[in-house]
Amino acid sequence: LTSQVKPNALTVVAISALPVVGLTAISKTKAGENVARKVEEEKKKLLPVASERERQRVKRRKESEELRGYFGSTRSKLSDAGHLTGVLPGDAGFDLLGLSAFREEEGEGRVEE
């Protein structure tokens, strides 16, 4: 079916708006109001639990010797990552267009900007 229909921009916008319009219409009904009320009640119960879990997570991160190596100023910055040779996008030092050369020639790159 999609190969036979060539939608224009208006069709795409109209179709993508359908879920939002549908959910808005449902939220205005009694059922939607009941769902919203239940969500708010659950939220009141779950917020303290979430806050406590966050406090525990932060405490564990600070106290654990094992985790300390992954967080904060003591973590490794991939300086020993020998497999990142600079030949692939995402590798430290990858510069396909040679734009980093302007950094060495202070000023030249800035003038051309």
N, C-alpha and C. Protein backbone atom coordinates (compact mmCIF):
# COMPACT_ATOMS: atom_id res chain seq x y z
N LEU A 1 0.82 -1.20 0.00
CA LEU A 1 0.00 0.00 0.00
C LEU A 1 0.86 1.26 0.00
N THR A 2 1.91 1.28 0.81
CA THR A 2 2.74 2.49 0.88
C THR A 2 3.48 2.75 -0.42
N SER A 3 3.78 1.70 -1.16
CA SER A 3 4.48 1.91 -2.43
C SER A 3 3.55 2.53 -3.48
N GLN A 4 2.23 2.38 -3.33
CA GLN A 4 1.28 2.92 -4.28
C GLN A 4 0.90 4.36 -3.94
N VAL A 5 1.02 4.74 -2.68
CA VAL A 5 0.63 6.08 -2.24
C VAL A 5 1.87 6.94 -2.11
N LYS A 6 1.85 8.09 -2.73
CA LYS A 6 2.95 9.05 -2.62
C LYS A 6 2.44 10.25 -1.81
N PRO A 7 2.60 10.21 -0.48
CA PRO A 7 2.02 11.26 0.36
C PRO A 7 2.76 12.59 0.19
N ASN A 8 1.99 13.66 0.26
CA ASN A 8 2.59 14.98 0.25
C ASN A 8 2.79 15.42 1.70
N ALA A 9 3.33 16.59 1.91
CA ALA A 9 3.64 17.07 3.25
C ALA A 9 2.39 17.21 4.10
N LEU A 10 1.30 17.66 3.52
CA LEU A 10 0.06 17.84 4.27
C LEU A 10 -0.46 16.50 4.79
N THR A 11 -0.38 15.47 3.97
CA THR A 11 -0.83 14.15 4.39
C THR A 11 0.02 13.63 5.54
N VAL A 12 1.32 13.81 5.44
CA VAL A 12 2.24 13.34 6.49
C VAL A 12 1.94 14.06 7.80
N VAL A 13 1.74 15.36 7.76
CA VAL A 13 1.43 16.13 8.97
C VAL A 13 0.10 15.68 9.56
N ALA A 14 -0.89 15.50 8.71
CA ALA A 14 -2.22 15.09 9.19
C ALA A 14 -2.15 13.71 9.85
N ILE A 15 -1.46 12.77 9.23
CA ILE A 15 -1.36 11.43 9.78
C ILE A 15 -0.55 11.43 11.08
N SER A 16 0.52 12.21 11.14
CA SER A 16 1.33 12.23 12.35
C SER A 16 0.61 12.93 13.49
N ALA A 17 -0.37 13.77 13.21
CA ALA A 17 -1.12 14.46 14.26
C ALA A 17 -2.23 13.60 14.84
N LEU A 18 -2.63 12.55 14.15
CA LEU A 18 -3.74 11.72 14.62
C LEU A 18 -3.55 11.16 16.03
N PRO A 19 -2.39 10.59 16.37
CA PRO A 19 -2.24 10.08 17.74
C PRO A 19 -2.38 11.16 18.81
N VAL A 20 -1.85 12.34 18.56
CA VAL A 20 -1.94 13.43 19.53
C VAL A 20 -3.39 13.87 19.69
N VAL A 21 -4.07 14.02 18.59
CA VAL A 21 -5.48 14.43 18.63
C VAL A 21 -6.31 13.37 19.34
N GLY A 22 -6.06 12.11 19.04
CA GLY A 22 -6.80 11.02 19.67
C GLY A 22 -6.57 10.97 21.17
N LEU A 23 -5.32 11.09 21.60
CA LEU A 23 -5.03 11.07 23.04
C LEU A 23 -5.62 12.28 23.75
N THR A 24 -5.61 13.42 23.10
CA THR A 24 -6.21 14.62 23.70
C THR A 24 -7.71 14.42 23.86
N ALA A 25 -8.36 13.85 22.86
CA ALA A 25 -9.80 13.61 22.95
C ALA A 25 -10.12 12.62 24.07
N ILE A 26 -9.32 11.57 24.18
CA ILE A 26 -9.54 10.58 25.25
C ILE A 26 -9.33 11.21 26.62
N SER A 27 -8.34 12.07 26.74
CA SER A 27 -8.05 12.68 28.05
C SER A 27 -9.17 13.58 28.53
N LYS A 28 -10.02 14.04 27.63
CA LYS A 28 -11.14 14.91 28.01
C LYS A 28 -12.36 14.13 28.48
N THR A 29 -12.34 12.81 28.33
CA THR A 29 -13.48 11.98 28.73
C THR A 29 -13.35 11.60 30.20
N LYS A 30 -14.41 11.01 30.76
CA LYS A 30 -14.39 10.54 32.15
C LYS A 30 -13.29 9.50 32.34
N ALA A 31 -13.17 8.59 31.38
CA ALA A 31 -12.14 7.55 31.47
C ALA A 31 -10.74 8.17 31.52
N GLY A 32 -10.52 9.17 30.68
CA GLY A 32 -9.23 9.85 30.67
C GLY A 32 -8.95 10.57 31.97
N GLU A 33 -9.98 11.19 32.55
CA GLU A 33 -9.82 11.86 33.83
C GLU A 33 -9.51 10.86 34.94
N ASN A 34 -10.14 9.69 34.90
CA ASN A 34 -9.86 8.64 35.89
C ASN A 34 -8.41 8.16 35.79
N VAL A 35 -7.96 7.97 34.56
CA VAL A 35 -6.56 7.55 34.36
C VAL A 35 -5.61 8.61 34.90
N ALA A 36 -5.88 9.87 34.60
CA ALA A 36 -5.02 10.95 35.08
C ALA A 36 -5.00 11.00 36.60
N ARG A 37 -6.14 10.81 37.23
CA ARG A 37 -6.21 10.83 38.69
C ARG A 37 -5.40 9.68 39.28
N LYS A 38 -5.53 8.48 38.69
CA LYS A 38 -4.77 7.32 39.18
C LYS A 38 -3.26 7.53 39.02
N VAL A 39 -2.87 8.13 37.90
CA VAL A 39 -1.45 8.40 37.67
C VAL A 39 -0.92 9.36 38.73
N GLU A 40 -1.67 10.39 39.04
CA GLU A 40 -1.24 11.35 40.06
C GLU A 40 -1.14 10.70 41.44
N GLU A 41 -2.06 9.80 41.77
CA GLU A 41 -2.01 9.09 43.05
C GLU A 41 -0.77 8.20 43.13
N GLU A 42 -0.49 7.48 42.06
CA GLU A 42 0.69 6.61 42.02
C GLU A 42 1.97 7.44 42.09
N LYS A 43 1.94 8.59 41.44
CA LYS A 43 3.12 9.46 41.43
C LYS A 43 3.48 9.90 42.84
N LYS A 44 2.45 10.21 43.65
CA LYS A 44 2.70 10.63 45.04
C LYS A 44 3.37 9.52 45.84
N LYS A 45 3.01 8.27 45.54
CA LYS A 45 3.62 7.14 46.24
C LYS A 45 5.03 6.85 45.74
N LEU A 46 5.25 7.03 44.44
CA LEU A 46 6.52 6.63 43.84
C LEU A 46 7.63 7.67 43.94
N LEU A 47 7.29 8.94 44.06
CA LEU A 47 8.33 9.97 44.14
C LEU A 47 9.28 9.78 45.32
N PRO A 48 8.78 9.51 46.53
CA PRO A 48 9.72 9.27 47.63
C PRO A 48 10.62 8.05 47.40
N VAL A 49 10.06 7.01 46.79
CA VAL A 49 10.85 5.81 46.49
C VAL A 49 11.95 6.16 45.50
N ALA A 50 11.61 6.91 44.47
CA ALA A 50 12.60 7.30 43.45
C ALA A 50 13.68 8.19 44.07
N SER A 51 13.30 9.10 44.95
CA SER A 51 14.27 9.98 45.59
C SER A 51 15.22 9.18 46.46
N GLU A 52 14.70 8.22 47.21
CA GLU A 52 15.54 7.37 48.06
C GLU A 52 16.50 6.54 47.21
N ARG A 53 16.01 6.00 46.12
CA ARG A 53 16.88 5.21 45.23
C ARG A 53 17.99 6.08 44.65
N GLU A 54 17.67 7.31 44.31
CA GLU A 54 18.69 8.22 43.77
C GLU A 54 19.73 8.52 44.84
N ARG A 55 19.31 8.75 46.09
CA ARG A 55 20.26 9.00 47.18
C ARG A 55 21.17 7.78 47.37
N GLN A 56 20.60 6.58 47.32
CA GLN A 56 21.39 5.37 47.48
C GLN A 56 22.39 5.21 46.33
N ARG A 57 21.95 5.54 45.13
CA ARG A 57 22.84 5.42 43.97
C ARG A 57 24.03 6.36 44.09
N VAL A 58 23.76 7.60 44.49
CA VAL A 58 24.85 8.59 44.63
C VAL A 58 25.80 8.15 45.75
N LYS A 59 25.25 7.67 46.86
CA LYS A 59 26.07 7.22 47.98
C LYS A 59 26.96 6.05 47.57
N ARG A 60 26.37 5.06 46.86
CA ARG A 60 27.14 3.90 46.40
C ARG A 60 28.26 4.33 45.47
N ARG A 61 27.96 5.27 44.60
CA ARG A 61 28.95 5.73 43.63
C ARG A 61 30.14 6.38 44.33
N LYS A 62 29.86 7.13 45.40
CA LYS A 62 30.94 7.82 46.12
C LYS A 62 31.76 6.86 46.98
N GLU A 63 31.09 5.85 47.57
CA GLU A 63 31.76 4.99 48.53
C GLU A 63 32.43 3.77 47.92
N SER A 64 31.99 3.32 46.78
CA SER A 64 32.51 2.10 46.18
C SER A 64 33.84 2.34 45.46
N GLU A 65 34.85 1.61 45.90
CA GLU A 65 36.16 1.71 45.23
C GLU A 65 36.06 1.27 43.77
N GLU A 66 35.27 0.21 43.54
CA GLU A 66 35.13 -0.32 42.19
C GLU A 66 34.48 0.71 41.26
N LEU A 67 33.43 1.39 41.74
CA LEU A 67 32.72 2.35 40.90
C LEU A 67 33.46 3.68 40.77
N ARG A 68 34.31 4.00 41.73
CA ARG A 68 35.00 5.29 41.71
C ARG A 68 35.83 5.45 40.43
N GLY A 69 36.29 4.35 39.87
CA GLY A 69 37.08 4.43 38.65
C GLY A 69 36.27 4.83 37.43
N TYR A 70 34.96 4.77 37.52
CA TYR A 70 34.10 5.11 36.38
C TYR A 70 33.50 6.50 36.47
N PHE A 71 33.59 7.15 37.63
CA PHE A 71 32.95 8.44 37.84
C PHE A 71 33.93 9.44 38.42
N GLY A 72 33.71 10.71 38.14
CA GLY A 72 34.50 11.78 38.74
C GLY A 72 35.84 11.99 38.06
N SER A 73 36.67 12.77 38.72
CA SER A 73 37.94 13.17 38.12
C SER A 73 38.95 12.03 38.06
N THR A 74 38.71 10.95 38.79
CA THR A 74 39.67 9.83 38.79
C THR A 74 39.40 8.83 37.68
N ARG A 75 38.34 9.01 36.92
CA ARG A 75 38.01 8.01 35.89
C ARG A 75 38.97 8.08 34.71
N SER A 76 39.10 6.98 34.03
CA SER A 76 39.95 6.89 32.86
C SER A 76 39.33 7.70 31.72
N LYS A 77 40.14 8.39 30.98
CA LYS A 77 39.66 9.20 29.87
C LYS A 77 39.97 8.55 28.52
N LEU A 78 40.06 7.22 28.50
CA LEU A 78 40.37 6.45 27.29
C LEU A 78 41.73 6.78 26.70
N SER A 79 42.63 7.29 27.53
CA SER A 79 43.96 7.61 27.01
C SER A 79 44.74 6.35 26.67
N ASP A 80 44.37 5.23 27.27
CA ASP A 80 45.06 3.98 27.01
C ASP A 80 44.31 3.12 25.99
N ALA A 81 43.39 3.70 25.25
CA ALA A 81 42.60 2.94 24.28
C ALA A 81 43.37 2.82 22.97
N GLY A 82 44.20 1.80 22.89
CA GLY A 82 45.04 1.61 21.71
C GLY A 82 44.26 1.31 20.45
N HIS A 83 43.04 0.82 20.60
CA HIS A 83 42.24 0.49 19.41
C HIS A 83 41.65 1.73 18.75
N LEU A 84 41.71 2.89 19.42
CA LEU A 84 41.22 4.13 18.81
C LEU A 84 42.40 4.81 18.12
N THR A 85 42.56 4.49 16.84
CA THR A 85 43.75 4.94 16.12
C THR A 85 43.56 6.25 15.38
N GLY A 86 42.33 6.75 15.31
CA GLY A 86 42.08 7.99 14.61
C GLY A 86 41.70 7.81 13.16
N VAL A 87 41.49 6.60 12.72
CA VAL A 87 41.16 6.36 11.31
C VAL A 87 39.65 6.22 11.08
N LEU A 88 38.87 6.07 12.15
CA LEU A 88 37.42 5.91 12.01
C LEU A 88 36.69 7.04 12.72
N PRO A 89 35.52 7.43 12.21
CA PRO A 89 34.73 8.44 12.92
C PRO A 89 34.45 7.98 14.35
N GLY A 90 34.62 8.89 15.29
CA GLY A 90 34.42 8.56 16.70
C GLY A 90 35.73 8.29 17.40
N ASP A 91 36.79 8.00 16.66
CA ASP A 91 38.10 7.79 17.27
C ASP A 91 38.70 9.14 17.65
N ALA A 92 39.46 9.15 18.73
CA ALA A 92 40.19 10.35 19.09
C ALA A 92 41.20 10.64 17.99
N GLY A 93 41.20 11.85 17.48
CA GLY A 93 42.13 12.22 16.43
C GLY A 93 41.59 12.09 15.02
N PHE A 94 40.38 11.57 14.83
CA PHE A 94 39.81 11.45 13.49
C PHE A 94 39.53 12.83 12.94
N ASP A 95 40.11 13.17 11.81
CA ASP A 95 39.95 14.49 11.21
C ASP A 95 40.06 14.35 9.70
N LEU A 96 38.98 13.96 9.08
CA LEU A 96 38.95 13.67 7.65
C LEU A 96 39.36 14.87 6.81
N LEU A 97 38.92 16.07 7.21
CA LEU A 97 39.18 17.27 6.41
C LEU A 97 40.41 18.04 6.86
N GLY A 98 41.08 17.59 7.89
CA GLY A 98 42.28 18.27 8.37
C GLY A 98 41.99 19.61 9.03
N LEU A 99 40.81 19.76 9.59
CA LEU A 99 40.43 21.04 10.20
C LEU A 99 41.20 21.34 11.47
N SER A 100 41.74 20.33 12.13
CA SER A 100 42.48 20.58 13.36
C SER A 100 43.80 21.29 13.09
N ALA A 101 44.24 21.33 11.86
CA ALA A 101 45.49 22.03 11.53
C ALA A 101 45.37 23.52 11.82
N PHE A 102 44.15 24.07 11.77
CA PHE A 102 43.97 25.49 12.04
C PHE A 102 44.27 25.83 13.49
N ARG A 103 44.11 24.89 14.36
CA ARG A 103 44.40 25.14 15.77
C ARG A 103 45.88 25.43 15.97
N GLU A 104 46.71 24.76 15.19
CA GLU A 104 48.15 24.94 15.31
C GLU A 104 48.57 26.29 14.74
N GLU A 105 47.87 26.77 13.76
CA GLU A 105 48.19 28.06 13.14
C GLU A 105 47.29 29.12 13.75
N GLU A 106 47.51 29.43 15.02
CA GLU A 106 46.65 30.37 15.74
C GLU A 106 46.31 31.58 14.87
N GLY A 107 45.06 31.85 14.76
CA GLY A 107 44.64 33.04 14.04
C GLY A 107 44.15 32.78 12.63
N GLU A 108 44.86 31.98 11.84
CA GLU A 108 44.47 31.76 10.46
C GLU A 108 43.07 31.22 10.34
N GLY A 109 42.74 30.23 11.15
CA GLY A 109 41.40 29.65 11.13
C GLY A 109 40.35 30.66 11.54
N ARG A 110 40.69 31.50 12.50
CA ARG A 110 39.75 32.50 12.97
C ARG A 110 39.47 33.56 11.90
N VAL A 111 40.46 33.94 11.14
CA VAL A 111 40.29 34.94 10.11
C VAL A 111 39.34 34.41 9.04
N GLU A 112 39.50 33.15 8.67
CA GLU A 112 38.67 32.57 7.62
C GLU A 112 37.23 32.35 8.06
N GLU A 113 36.98 32.27 9.37
CA GLU A 113 35.61 32.10 9.85
C GLU A 113 34.85 33.36 9.52
